[in-house]
Amino acid sequence: MSSTVDVKLINTDDNEKYEYPTRSLEIRVSSSKQIITPTRAATDYEFNQKAQIPTDITVDNPIYTSVTDLNCAEFKNLMYVNGHYDKIISNMEKKSGLSIYSNLRLFLLMPTVSDQKDEKSGKILNEAPMAQLKSNTRLLDSFIRTNIRLQRDIGLKLITIPFIELPFSQYKDIIRGIYQVLDKSGEQPVFFIDMRYKDFKKTIDLLANDYQTNMIGVYHRKYRHANINYDYLTDEYSRKDIAFLAASVERSSLQDISTMHYLPFMGNDVYAIKRKRGFPKYAKDENGDYTRDAKGKLVVEASTYTTDNIKFFNRDNLRIENINTDTQTVQRFLTEYDGDYFITSLLKNYRNIEGKKEDVEALRAFSRVSELKSSQTEFTSFQKLINENSTSDYIDEKTVLKQVLNGKENL
């Protein structure tokens, strides 16, 4: 099968017999553009946060991943409303223009699994997009065609295919059909598979052995929910020329450790953070019941602006820590961004911005953009240690990482 990118194993460090191996890959997009893993992909979320800060900080990660959740309303518009296709294309073109520093771009339309329900009665108004696709073959075929066409229309050669939870016998037929279509035009599919899928191993083997794919996407899940499949990746694929891209990675997990900084030990090579969605917090009365307005709608609680929930990535211990306790990281950023008046002023006065909407939101946005930059720098350092077979030294240095890897059942 044709490939638009080349993937080659650089080194696998598996000196510790009972520890999980780590590895580095070279993903070559062209003769002059290469990407070394493990690495972090930039996402829409970080670009959106960057737009809130008047600063010259660049988002220059070599891989960009855009994940769009297709909820009931979005899915209905895409599949049944004329003109919504154009809206999605315009958004994709805009995002592609923002990610000018990225050598590899992926756009993933991800059907959601949640039904649309009536706020009062809980009655299902619209079935979840995933359920609709599973039960309606014509709709599924139409969605796959639309998904491919969208990506073709903006000139992509790597075509993402979202996971659809089907029986393996049906799923492999869809995979075959997609390969037949894309291979003729020199395009390469990147199938995304849910780490919890019961036929995960069969699907990965099918893609690797029958179609010789060199890039597979996975939906990130906690280790405790997909331990057999994580083990399979590390046991069977740690020495193969196939890159695994983890989408929708949680920011942090047990002990506040950055989730993506232990994923290199679990067979994943590229990591894209889960898009954070803000959900309204509804007001309650003195009895603990939700309050409603005159029309019966839930009343949204007034927003408060505080630094209590603003956290930064600490490279020393790989934790995501609150700014009020992680003073060392604040000092490091003051040095790193010494020439940036806006950022340094914000950091110097962070203890005095309680209740100030613009300052709190700017500091929160900076915490996410700086995390992207610092995280990528940490991965670059880690790549060198993998190639020197010094991963065990890295684990000894990052004590919290050692504790987490020794107790994977808690991840």
Foldseek 3Di string as FASTA:
>chain_A
DFDQKFKAWQFWQCPPPPFFIFTKMWIGNDPPDIDIWLFEAAEPQLVVLVVLAPWPDADQGQEYEYEAECWPVNLCCLQPNPPVLVVVLVVVLVVVVRHVNHSYYYYHYEFDQDFDADPPPRHGPGGGPLVVLAVDVVSVVVVVVSQQVSCVVSPAQEREDEDRQYPPVVVVVVVVVVCVVSVVVSGHYAYEEELLRPCLVVVVCCCCPVVVAQEYEYEDDACLRRVVSLVCLRVPPSNPRHAYEYEQAAQAFPPQAGRVVLCSSRNHIYYYHHRDDDDFDFDADPVRHFDADPVRHTHGDDDWQAQQPAWAQDLQQRGTGRCVPPVVVLVVVCVVPVVIVRSNVLSVCVVPCTRPVSSRSSSSSVRVNVRSVVVRVSRVVVNVCSSVSNVVVVCVSNVVSVVCSVPSNRD
